[in-house]
N, C-alpha and C. Protein backbone atom coordinates (compact mmCIF):
# COMPACT_ATOMS: atom_id res chain seq x y z
N MET A 1 -24.77 134.47 115.37
CA MET A 1 -26.28 134.40 115.20
C MET A 1 -26.44 133.14 115.08
N LYS A 2 -27.27 132.44 115.97
CA LYS A 2 -27.73 131.11 115.85
C LYS A 2 -28.66 130.99 114.68
N LYS A 3 -28.66 130.04 113.71
CA LYS A 3 -29.73 129.73 112.76
C LYS A 3 -30.90 128.82 113.34
N ILE A 4 -32.01 129.40 112.95
CA ILE A 4 -32.98 128.44 113.50
C ILE A 4 -33.16 127.31 112.22
N ARG A 5 -33.62 126.20 112.76
CA ARG A 5 -33.62 124.79 111.87
C ARG A 5 -35.12 124.13 112.40
N PHE A 6 -35.24 123.62 111.38
CA PHE A 6 -36.33 122.51 111.60
C PHE A 6 -36.28 121.46 112.61
N ASP A 7 -36.49 121.20 113.73
CA ASP A 7 -36.53 119.82 114.45
C ASP A 7 -37.29 119.08 114.13
N SER A 8 -36.51 117.89 113.63
CA SER A 8 -37.33 116.76 113.13
C SER A 8 -37.43 115.79 114.38
N GLU A 9 -36.52 115.83 115.41
CA GLU A 9 -36.81 114.69 116.90
C GLU A 9 -38.20 115.32 117.20
N LYS A 10 -38.67 116.67 117.31
CA LYS A 10 -39.68 117.47 117.95
C LYS A 10 -40.63 117.23 116.85
N TYR A 11 -40.65 117.18 115.82
CA TYR A 11 -41.73 116.71 115.08
C TYR A 11 -42.32 115.61 115.45
N LEU A 12 -41.14 114.46 115.58
CA LEU A 12 -41.74 112.91 115.34
C LEU A 12 -42.76 113.05 117.03
N GLN A 13 -41.69 113.53 117.82
CA GLN A 13 -42.33 113.32 119.19
C GLN A 13 -43.77 113.91 119.16
N GLU A 14 -43.67 115.14 119.00
CA GLU A 14 -45.48 115.92 118.81
C GLU A 14 -46.54 115.45 117.91
N GLN A 15 -45.89 115.24 116.37
CA GLN A 15 -46.77 114.68 115.90
C GLN A 15 -47.52 113.31 116.33
N SER A 16 -46.55 112.17 116.53
CA SER A 16 -47.21 111.09 116.81
C SER A 16 -47.92 111.32 118.09
N ALA A 17 -47.57 111.93 119.13
CA ALA A 17 -48.42 112.02 120.39
C ALA A 17 -49.75 112.76 119.78
N TYR A 18 -50.06 113.67 118.87
CA TYR A 18 -51.05 114.08 118.44
C TYR A 18 -51.97 113.18 117.53
N ILE A 19 -51.46 112.18 116.72
CA ILE A 19 -51.98 111.56 115.96
C ILE A 19 -52.66 110.76 117.08
N LEU A 20 -51.96 109.62 118.15
CA LEU A 20 -52.38 109.22 118.88
C LEU A 20 -53.53 109.62 119.65
N GLU A 21 -53.17 110.80 119.79
CA GLU A 21 -54.58 111.39 120.45
C GLU A 21 -55.92 111.55 119.95
N ARG A 22 -55.63 112.00 118.55
CA ARG A 22 -56.93 111.98 117.77
C ARG A 22 -57.36 110.69 117.24
N VAL A 23 -56.74 109.77 117.17
CA VAL A 23 -56.85 108.49 116.99
C VAL A 23 -58.12 107.76 117.86
N GLN A 24 -57.99 108.45 119.41
CA GLN A 24 -58.72 108.08 120.38
C GLN A 24 -60.13 108.84 120.48
N GLN A 25 -60.18 109.57 119.79
CA GLN A 25 -61.31 110.08 119.61
C GLN A 25 -62.65 109.65 118.30
N TYR A 26 -61.82 108.73 117.60
CA TYR A 26 -62.52 108.05 115.95
C TYR A 26 -62.16 106.51 115.97
N ASP A 27 -63.29 105.56 115.52
CA ASP A 27 -63.16 104.65 115.13
C ASP A 27 -61.64 104.32 114.31
N LYS A 28 -61.58 105.56 112.99
CA LYS A 28 -60.88 105.24 112.29
C LYS A 28 -60.36 106.76 111.77
N LEU A 29 -58.97 106.46 112.22
CA LEU A 29 -58.10 108.21 111.39
C LEU A 29 -57.56 107.89 110.18
N TYR A 30 -58.00 108.77 109.34
CA TYR A 30 -57.65 108.64 107.84
C TYR A 30 -56.30 109.87 107.79
N LEU A 31 -55.10 109.48 107.31
CA LEU A 31 -54.05 110.48 107.20
C LEU A 31 -53.78 110.30 105.68
N GLU A 32 -53.59 111.60 105.24
CA GLU A 32 -52.64 111.88 104.01
C GLU A 32 -51.86 112.75 104.48
N PHE A 33 -50.51 112.76 103.60
CA PHE A 33 -49.28 113.45 104.23
C PHE A 33 -48.93 114.17 102.81
N GLY A 34 -48.59 115.69 102.78
CA GLY A 34 -48.49 116.41 101.80
C GLY A 34 -46.91 115.69 101.46
N GLY A 35 -46.29 115.53 100.09
CA GLY A 35 -44.99 114.94 99.71
C GLY A 35 -45.04 113.90 99.86
N LYS A 36 -43.76 113.22 99.72
CA LYS A 36 -43.21 111.96 99.68
C LYS A 36 -43.50 111.31 101.41
N LEU A 37 -43.50 110.38 101.56
CA LEU A 37 -43.43 109.63 102.79
C LEU A 37 -41.88 109.33 103.07
N ILE A 38 -41.02 108.85 102.03
CA ILE A 38 -39.62 108.67 101.92
C ILE A 38 -39.05 109.66 101.23
N GLY A 39 -38.11 109.97 101.47
CA GLY A 39 -37.12 111.04 100.83
C GLY A 39 -37.94 112.37 100.08
N ASP A 40 -38.52 112.81 101.07
CA ASP A 40 -39.17 114.06 100.80
C ASP A 40 -38.35 115.23 100.78
N LYS A 41 -37.17 115.20 99.40
CA LYS A 41 -36.27 116.24 99.44
C LYS A 41 -36.59 117.60 99.02
N HIS A 42 -37.94 117.89 98.80
CA HIS A 42 -38.79 119.08 98.60
C HIS A 42 -38.69 119.31 99.96
N ALA A 43 -39.07 119.00 101.04
CA ALA A 43 -39.45 119.40 102.45
C ALA A 43 -38.18 119.87 102.83
N LYS A 44 -37.18 118.80 103.05
CA LYS A 44 -35.99 118.87 103.08
C LYS A 44 -35.28 120.52 102.61
N ARG A 45 -35.41 120.73 101.35
CA ARG A 45 -34.88 122.10 100.53
C ARG A 45 -35.64 123.35 101.53
N VAL A 46 -36.86 123.15 101.68
CA VAL A 46 -37.78 124.29 102.03
C VAL A 46 -37.43 124.38 103.47
N LEU A 47 -37.28 123.32 104.42
CA LEU A 47 -37.22 123.55 105.85
C LEU A 47 -35.83 122.97 106.19
N PRO A 48 -34.87 123.79 106.45
CA PRO A 48 -33.66 123.94 106.51
C PRO A 48 -33.83 122.91 108.08
N GLY A 49 -33.14 121.46 108.20
CA GLY A 49 -32.64 120.68 109.17
C GLY A 49 -33.96 119.64 109.10
N PHE A 50 -34.46 119.59 107.99
CA PHE A 50 -35.94 118.49 108.17
C PHE A 50 -35.31 117.23 107.59
N ASP A 51 -35.39 116.09 108.43
CA ASP A 51 -35.23 114.96 108.33
C ASP A 51 -35.99 114.60 106.85
N GLU A 52 -35.36 113.85 105.58
CA GLU A 52 -36.25 113.62 104.37
C GLU A 52 -37.01 112.45 104.57
N ASP A 53 -36.76 111.72 105.77
CA ASP A 53 -37.21 110.85 105.85
C ASP A 53 -38.41 110.74 107.39
N ALA A 54 -38.54 112.03 107.79
CA ALA A 54 -39.13 111.98 109.03
C ALA A 54 -40.85 111.71 109.24
N LYS A 55 -41.23 111.68 107.79
CA LYS A 55 -42.60 111.40 107.89
C LYS A 55 -42.85 109.65 107.97
N ILE A 56 -41.91 108.58 107.34
CA ILE A 56 -42.19 107.12 107.33
C ILE A 56 -41.58 107.07 108.82
N LYS A 57 -40.41 107.45 109.14
CA LYS A 57 -40.09 107.51 110.87
C LYS A 57 -41.16 107.61 111.84
N LEU A 58 -42.00 108.63 111.53
CA LEU A 58 -43.05 108.98 112.56
C LEU A 58 -44.07 107.71 111.94
N LEU A 59 -44.17 107.29 110.83
CA LEU A 59 -45.38 106.30 110.81
C LEU A 59 -44.60 104.87 111.48
N HIS A 60 -43.26 104.65 111.45
CA HIS A 60 -42.70 103.65 111.97
C HIS A 60 -42.98 103.35 113.29
N THR A 61 -43.13 104.67 114.14
CA THR A 61 -43.32 104.79 115.69
C THR A 61 -44.70 104.35 115.77
N LEU A 62 -45.72 104.30 115.13
CA LEU A 62 -47.46 104.09 114.84
C LEU A 62 -47.49 102.67 114.39
N LYS A 63 -46.42 101.91 113.52
CA LYS A 63 -46.74 100.90 112.92
C LYS A 63 -47.74 99.80 113.20
N GLU A 64 -47.66 99.64 114.54
CA GLU A 64 -48.92 98.76 115.43
C GLU A 64 -50.14 98.90 115.14
N ASN A 65 -50.41 100.48 115.05
CA ASN A 65 -51.56 101.17 114.73
C ASN A 65 -52.00 101.27 113.31
N ALA A 66 -50.85 101.20 112.37
CA ALA A 66 -51.06 101.88 110.95
C ALA A 66 -50.74 101.05 109.91
N GLU A 67 -51.64 101.59 109.00
CA GLU A 67 -51.92 100.54 107.83
C GLU A 67 -51.98 101.57 106.45
N ILE A 68 -51.30 100.78 104.94
CA ILE A 68 -51.26 102.21 104.11
C ILE A 68 -52.32 101.76 103.08
N ILE A 69 -52.81 102.61 102.63
CA ILE A 69 -53.48 102.16 101.03
C ILE A 69 -52.80 103.10 100.10
N ILE A 70 -52.13 102.82 99.23
CA ILE A 70 -51.70 103.47 97.73
C ILE A 70 -52.34 103.41 96.91
N CYS A 71 -52.71 104.81 96.49
CA CYS A 71 -53.36 104.95 95.02
C CYS A 71 -52.54 105.11 94.21
N VAL A 72 -53.27 104.76 92.79
CA VAL A 72 -52.52 105.23 91.75
C VAL A 72 -53.83 105.20 90.72
N TYR A 73 -53.40 106.50 89.76
CA TYR A 73 -54.51 106.70 88.72
C TYR A 73 -54.10 105.40 87.71
N ALA A 74 -55.09 105.07 86.93
CA ALA A 74 -55.41 103.61 85.96
C ALA A 74 -54.46 104.61 84.80
N GLY A 75 -54.63 105.84 84.41
CA GLY A 75 -54.16 106.81 83.30
C GLY A 75 -52.85 106.70 83.47
N ASP A 76 -52.35 107.14 84.46
CA ASP A 76 -50.81 107.35 84.59
C ASP A 76 -49.87 105.87 84.18
N ILE A 77 -50.87 104.33 84.53
CA ILE A 77 -50.37 103.13 84.59
C ILE A 77 -50.24 103.19 83.04
N GLU A 78 -51.71 103.45 82.33
CA GLU A 78 -51.73 103.13 80.76
C GLU A 78 -51.04 103.78 80.02
N ARG A 79 -50.37 105.07 80.33
CA ARG A 79 -49.39 105.98 79.46
C ARG A 79 -48.38 105.58 79.93
N ASN A 80 -47.96 104.81 80.90
CA ASN A 80 -46.43 104.45 81.30
C ASN A 80 -45.93 105.94 81.69
N LYS A 81 -46.52 106.68 82.51
CA LYS A 81 -46.09 107.98 82.97
C LYS A 81 -44.76 107.48 84.04
N VAL A 82 -43.46 108.51 83.85
CA VAL A 82 -42.51 107.90 84.38
C VAL A 82 -42.58 109.39 85.45
N ARG A 83 -41.80 108.56 86.75
CA ARG A 83 -41.63 109.40 87.97
C ARG A 83 -39.87 110.02 87.21
N GLU A 84 -40.01 111.59 87.24
CA GLU A 84 -38.80 111.94 86.92
C GLU A 84 -38.09 111.78 87.82
N ASP A 85 -37.76 111.74 89.03
CA ASP A 85 -36.95 111.83 90.16
C ASP A 85 -36.39 110.18 89.90
N TYR A 86 -36.95 109.61 89.87
CA TYR A 86 -36.33 107.98 89.42
C TYR A 86 -36.07 107.53 88.60
N GLY A 87 -36.91 107.88 87.48
CA GLY A 87 -36.87 107.24 86.05
C GLY A 87 -37.28 106.15 86.17
N ILE A 88 -38.54 105.62 86.83
CA ILE A 88 -39.20 104.76 86.36
C ILE A 88 -40.78 104.83 86.51
N THR A 89 -41.67 104.24 86.11
CA THR A 89 -42.82 104.31 85.71
C THR A 89 -44.27 104.04 86.90
N TYR A 90 -44.91 104.53 87.04
CA TYR A 90 -46.05 105.03 88.13
C TYR A 90 -46.15 103.08 88.65
N ASP A 91 -46.23 102.52 87.95
CA ASP A 91 -46.57 101.18 88.47
C ASP A 91 -45.59 100.57 89.12
N GLN A 92 -44.32 100.87 88.25
CA GLN A 92 -43.28 100.16 88.94
C GLN A 92 -42.89 100.76 90.33
N ASP A 93 -43.03 102.14 90.29
CA ASP A 93 -42.78 103.07 91.73
C ASP A 93 -44.02 102.34 92.89
N VAL A 94 -44.89 102.37 92.58
CA VAL A 94 -46.03 101.47 93.54
C VAL A 94 -45.29 99.93 94.15
N LEU A 95 -44.74 99.34 93.34
CA LEU A 95 -43.69 97.92 93.78
C LEU A 95 -42.98 98.52 94.50
N ARG A 96 -42.16 99.23 94.07
CA ARG A 96 -41.09 100.06 94.90
C ARG A 96 -41.46 100.48 96.35
N LEU A 97 -42.67 101.11 96.29
CA LEU A 97 -42.90 101.73 97.74
C LEU A 97 -43.56 100.64 98.56
N ILE A 98 -44.22 99.67 98.07
CA ILE A 98 -44.77 98.58 98.85
C ILE A 98 -43.51 97.83 99.63
N ASP A 99 -42.52 97.83 98.93
CA ASP A 99 -41.10 97.52 99.35
C ASP A 99 -40.73 97.99 100.51
N GLU A 100 -40.63 99.46 100.35
CA GLU A 100 -40.15 100.36 101.43
C GLU A 100 -40.79 100.29 102.42
N TYR A 101 -42.39 100.39 102.39
CA TYR A 101 -42.88 100.76 103.62
C TYR A 101 -42.62 99.39 104.33
N ARG A 102 -42.78 98.34 103.93
CA ARG A 102 -42.71 97.02 104.10
C ARG A 102 -41.31 96.95 105.07
N ALA A 103 -40.54 97.42 104.64
CA ALA A 103 -39.09 97.50 105.21
C ALA A 103 -39.10 98.23 106.38
N TYR A 104 -39.77 99.00 106.66
CA TYR A 104 -39.91 99.94 107.67
C TYR A 104 -40.92 99.33 108.78
N GLY A 105 -41.07 98.21 108.25
CA GLY A 105 -42.47 97.21 109.21
C GLY A 105 -43.96 98.11 109.10
N ILE A 106 -44.52 98.57 107.99
CA ILE A 106 -45.53 99.47 108.23
C ILE A 106 -46.54 98.20 106.93
N SER A 107 -47.41 97.85 107.38
CA SER A 107 -48.40 97.05 106.77
C SER A 107 -48.92 97.91 105.17
N VAL A 108 -48.99 97.57 104.01
CA VAL A 108 -49.43 97.83 103.12
C VAL A 108 -51.00 96.96 102.90
N ASN A 109 -52.09 97.56 103.26
CA ASN A 109 -53.49 97.44 103.27
C ASN A 109 -53.66 96.73 101.81
N SER A 110 -53.70 97.79 100.92
CA SER A 110 -54.13 97.63 99.69
C SER A 110 -53.54 98.75 98.30
N VAL A 111 -53.70 98.36 97.27
CA VAL A 111 -53.35 99.19 96.14
C VAL A 111 -54.76 99.39 95.49
N LEU A 112 -55.01 100.69 95.71
CA LEU A 112 -56.49 101.27 94.67
C LEU A 112 -56.08 101.98 93.65
N ILE A 113 -56.83 101.49 92.45
CA ILE A 113 -56.52 101.87 91.34
C ILE A 113 -57.81 102.98 91.21
N THR A 114 -57.43 103.98 90.98
CA THR A 114 -58.44 105.27 90.78
C THR A 114 -58.73 105.86 89.06
N ARG A 115 -60.10 105.86 89.11
CA ARG A 115 -60.85 106.27 87.42
C ARG A 115 -60.55 105.39 86.65
N TYR A 116 -60.55 104.16 87.13
CA TYR A 116 -60.18 102.74 86.14
C TYR A 116 -61.72 102.73 85.48
N GLN A 117 -61.02 102.35 83.97
CA GLN A 117 -62.17 101.98 82.85
C GLN A 117 -61.83 100.85 82.42
N GLY A 118 -60.81 99.77 82.63
CA GLY A 118 -61.02 98.57 82.25
C GLY A 118 -59.64 98.48 81.21
N GLN A 119 -58.49 99.56 80.96
CA GLN A 119 -57.68 99.50 80.59
C GLN A 119 -56.52 98.10 80.44
N PRO A 120 -56.16 97.66 79.44
CA PRO A 120 -55.59 96.24 79.55
C PRO A 120 -54.36 96.27 80.48
N THR A 121 -53.65 97.53 80.11
CA THR A 121 -52.47 97.57 81.02
C THR A 121 -52.53 97.68 82.21
N VAL A 122 -53.75 98.02 82.86
CA VAL A 122 -54.03 98.34 84.12
C VAL A 122 -54.35 96.89 84.83
N LYS A 123 -55.16 96.28 83.75
CA LYS A 123 -55.56 94.97 83.97
C LYS A 123 -54.53 93.59 84.65
N VAL A 124 -53.31 93.97 83.65
CA VAL A 124 -52.03 93.07 83.62
C VAL A 124 -51.22 93.55 85.32
N PHE A 125 -51.20 94.63 85.21
CA PHE A 125 -50.45 95.37 86.47
C PHE A 125 -51.21 94.53 87.73
N MET A 126 -52.52 94.59 87.70
CA MET A 126 -53.52 94.26 88.83
C MET A 126 -53.50 93.05 88.89
N THR A 127 -53.35 92.44 88.12
CA THR A 127 -52.78 90.70 88.13
C THR A 127 -51.59 90.17 88.69
N LYS A 128 -50.61 91.00 88.54
CA LYS A 128 -49.22 90.82 88.95
C LYS A 128 -49.47 91.26 90.69
N LEU A 129 -49.88 92.33 90.78
CA LEU A 129 -50.07 92.65 92.32
C LEU A 129 -51.04 91.70 92.95
N GLU A 130 -51.83 91.47 92.53
CA GLU A 130 -52.81 89.93 93.21
C GLU A 130 -52.32 88.90 93.28
N ARG A 131 -51.35 88.32 92.19
CA ARG A 131 -50.19 87.18 92.30
C ARG A 131 -49.25 87.48 93.33
N SER A 132 -49.11 88.37 93.45
CA SER A 132 -47.77 88.89 94.85
C SER A 132 -48.55 89.00 96.31
N GLY A 133 -49.97 88.79 96.33
CA GLY A 133 -50.50 88.65 97.58
C GLY A 133 -51.17 89.99 98.07
N ILE A 134 -51.02 90.82 96.92
CA ILE A 134 -51.34 92.22 97.53
C ILE A 134 -53.05 92.55 96.80
N SER A 135 -53.54 93.00 97.97
CA SER A 135 -54.89 93.41 97.63
C SER A 135 -55.48 94.41 96.81
N VAL A 136 -56.32 94.39 95.52
CA VAL A 136 -56.11 95.67 94.82
C VAL A 136 -57.86 95.79 94.57
N CYS A 137 -57.80 97.32 94.87
CA CYS A 137 -59.19 97.72 95.03
C CYS A 137 -59.32 98.74 93.63
N ILE A 138 -60.68 98.93 92.92
CA ILE A 138 -60.67 99.81 92.08
C ILE A 138 -61.75 100.83 92.30
N HIS A 139 -61.54 102.01 91.81
CA HIS A 139 -62.73 103.03 91.68
C HIS A 139 -62.64 103.26 90.65
N ARG A 140 -64.12 103.58 89.80
CA ARG A 140 -64.31 103.88 88.47
C ARG A 140 -64.59 105.67 88.84
N GLU A 141 -64.37 106.38 87.79
CA GLU A 141 -64.21 107.94 87.42
C GLU A 141 -65.91 108.00 87.79
N ILE A 142 -65.94 109.26 88.70
CA ILE A 142 -67.47 109.93 88.85
C ILE A 142 -67.51 110.84 88.08
N GLU A 143 -68.65 110.97 87.40
CA GLU A 143 -68.79 112.02 86.40
C GLU A 143 -69.16 113.22 87.43
N GLY A 144 -68.59 114.44 87.12
CA GLY A 144 -68.93 115.80 87.89
C GLY A 144 -67.92 115.88 88.86
N TYR A 145 -67.21 115.02 88.92
CA TYR A 145 -66.15 115.11 90.37
C TYR A 145 -64.94 116.04 89.97
N PRO A 146 -64.72 117.08 90.47
CA PRO A 146 -65.28 117.30 92.29
C PRO A 146 -65.84 118.33 92.32
N THR A 147 -66.38 119.30 90.89
CA THR A 147 -67.33 120.32 91.10
C THR A 147 -68.65 120.26 91.44
N ASN A 148 -69.18 119.13 90.64
CA ASN A 148 -70.63 118.47 91.17
C ASN A 148 -70.76 117.86 92.46
N VAL A 149 -70.96 118.77 93.75
CA VAL A 149 -70.85 117.72 94.90
C VAL A 149 -72.46 116.99 95.05
N ASP A 150 -73.11 117.78 94.55
CA ASP A 150 -74.60 116.32 95.00
C ASP A 150 -74.34 115.46 93.81
N ALA A 151 -73.62 115.49 93.02
CA ALA A 151 -73.71 114.34 92.00
C ALA A 151 -72.31 113.38 92.95
N VAL A 152 -71.46 113.80 93.05
CA VAL A 152 -70.55 113.26 93.72
C VAL A 152 -70.84 112.47 95.16
N LEU A 153 -71.75 113.12 95.97
CA LEU A 153 -72.33 112.54 97.32
C LEU A 153 -73.48 111.97 96.68
N GLY A 154 -73.97 111.75 95.63
CA GLY A 154 -75.13 111.12 95.74
C GLY A 154 -74.82 109.70 95.18
N GLU A 155 -76.02 108.76 94.68
CA GLU A 155 -75.96 107.38 94.28
C GLU A 155 -75.22 106.90 93.33
N GLU A 156 -74.78 108.15 92.21
CA GLU A 156 -74.15 107.74 91.31
C GLU A 156 -72.42 107.98 91.65
N GLY A 157 -72.23 108.71 92.88
CA GLY A 157 -70.98 109.05 93.37
C GLY A 157 -70.50 108.24 93.84
N PHE A 158 -69.64 108.73 94.89
CA PHE A 158 -68.92 107.87 95.79
C PHE A 158 -69.42 106.33 96.24
N ALA A 159 -70.76 106.47 96.37
CA ALA A 159 -71.42 105.10 96.55
C ALA A 159 -71.24 104.09 95.72
N THR A 160 -71.07 104.36 94.34
CA THR A 160 -70.63 103.66 93.36
C THR A 160 -69.53 102.67 93.87
N ASN A 161 -68.35 103.30 94.40
CA ASN A 161 -67.21 102.72 94.52
C ASN A 161 -67.13 102.17 95.79
N PRO A 162 -66.50 100.84 95.52
CA PRO A 162 -66.53 99.71 96.90
C PRO A 162 -65.68 100.57 98.12
N TYR A 163 -66.26 100.12 99.40
CA TYR A 163 -65.27 100.70 100.41
C TYR A 163 -64.29 99.61 100.85
N ILE A 164 -63.48 100.31 101.22
CA ILE A 164 -62.18 99.55 101.11
C ILE A 164 -62.04 99.15 102.87
N GLU A 165 -62.26 97.87 103.10
CA GLU A 165 -61.85 97.34 104.27
C GLU A 165 -60.82 97.36 104.84
N THR A 166 -60.11 97.81 106.25
CA THR A 166 -58.93 97.94 106.88
C THR A 166 -59.31 97.76 108.13
N THR A 167 -58.29 97.52 108.90
CA THR A 167 -57.47 96.68 110.27
C THR A 167 -57.50 97.23 111.00
N LYS A 168 -56.73 98.26 110.67
CA LYS A 168 -55.86 98.97 111.82
C LYS A 168 -56.56 100.60 112.08
N PRO A 169 -56.66 100.85 113.06
CA PRO A 169 -56.85 102.30 113.64
C PRO A 169 -56.81 103.54 112.70
N ILE A 170 -55.30 103.56 112.03
CA ILE A 170 -54.80 104.57 111.52
C ILE A 170 -54.64 104.09 110.18
N VAL A 171 -55.47 104.74 109.36
CA VAL A 171 -55.17 104.65 107.89
C VAL A 171 -54.64 105.51 107.02
N VAL A 172 -53.30 105.30 106.75
CA VAL A 172 -52.76 106.21 105.10
C VAL A 172 -52.69 106.17 104.34
N VAL A 173 -53.37 107.22 103.56
CA VAL A 173 -53.94 107.18 102.00
C VAL A 173 -52.29 108.02 101.43
N THR A 174 -51.78 107.29 100.62
CA THR A 174 -50.77 108.00 99.78
C THR A 174 -50.83 107.35 98.41
N ALA A 175 -49.90 107.74 97.62
CA ALA A 175 -49.48 107.93 96.34
C ALA A 175 -48.09 107.97 95.50
N PRO A 176 -48.12 107.48 94.59
CA PRO A 176 -46.37 107.73 93.79
C PRO A 176 -46.48 109.12 93.59
N GLY A 177 -47.53 109.59 93.20
CA GLY A 177 -47.28 111.04 92.59
C GLY A 177 -48.80 111.70 92.74
N PRO A 178 -48.55 113.08 91.84
CA PRO A 178 -49.78 114.05 92.25
C PRO A 178 -51.08 113.42 91.27
N GLY A 179 -52.20 113.74 91.45
CA GLY A 179 -53.06 113.45 90.58
C GLY A 179 -54.14 111.98 90.60
N SER A 180 -53.16 111.25 91.65
CA SER A 180 -53.94 109.82 92.07
C SER A 180 -55.01 109.31 92.59
N GLY A 181 -55.57 110.57 92.90
CA GLY A 181 -57.04 110.40 93.32
C GLY A 181 -57.54 110.24 94.54
N LYS A 182 -56.28 110.07 95.65
CA LYS A 182 -56.22 109.83 97.05
C LYS A 182 -57.23 110.85 97.78
């Protein structure tokens, strides 16, 4: 009996065609993928035949039209949160991800520091990014997020955080781990 497996090639063809179709309907198409963009071993484990790099390969086919915003929670930087799979801190992982995405020819628009409260360690990291030519944006914590929808959508909510300028029609929002605020 033939085993049914995930078809990564079909995934790349169909997803890229669908994304290009969708982007024609909007000025900007914002995408957030579940799991890691590179080395998604969980998806590979639960979907036999899945290429753990299928998502980054998909983005590589769209690289002329796509750019990435990497979100990282300020508290994770301040606490030196470590990624268990790589044994590195989240700030180190942001730098690693920038290098990986660029190696695939995908533009990194900026790093967004979420729920920023002026933490000294985060300021040092932001300076390091800026000295490396990486644009850094900050979003402050929004009181009542996510349950108080009126407050979140009101003048003291999302409107208080700066808009991130992008240049390409496809904007991928990603992070080094969960709870990033993406």
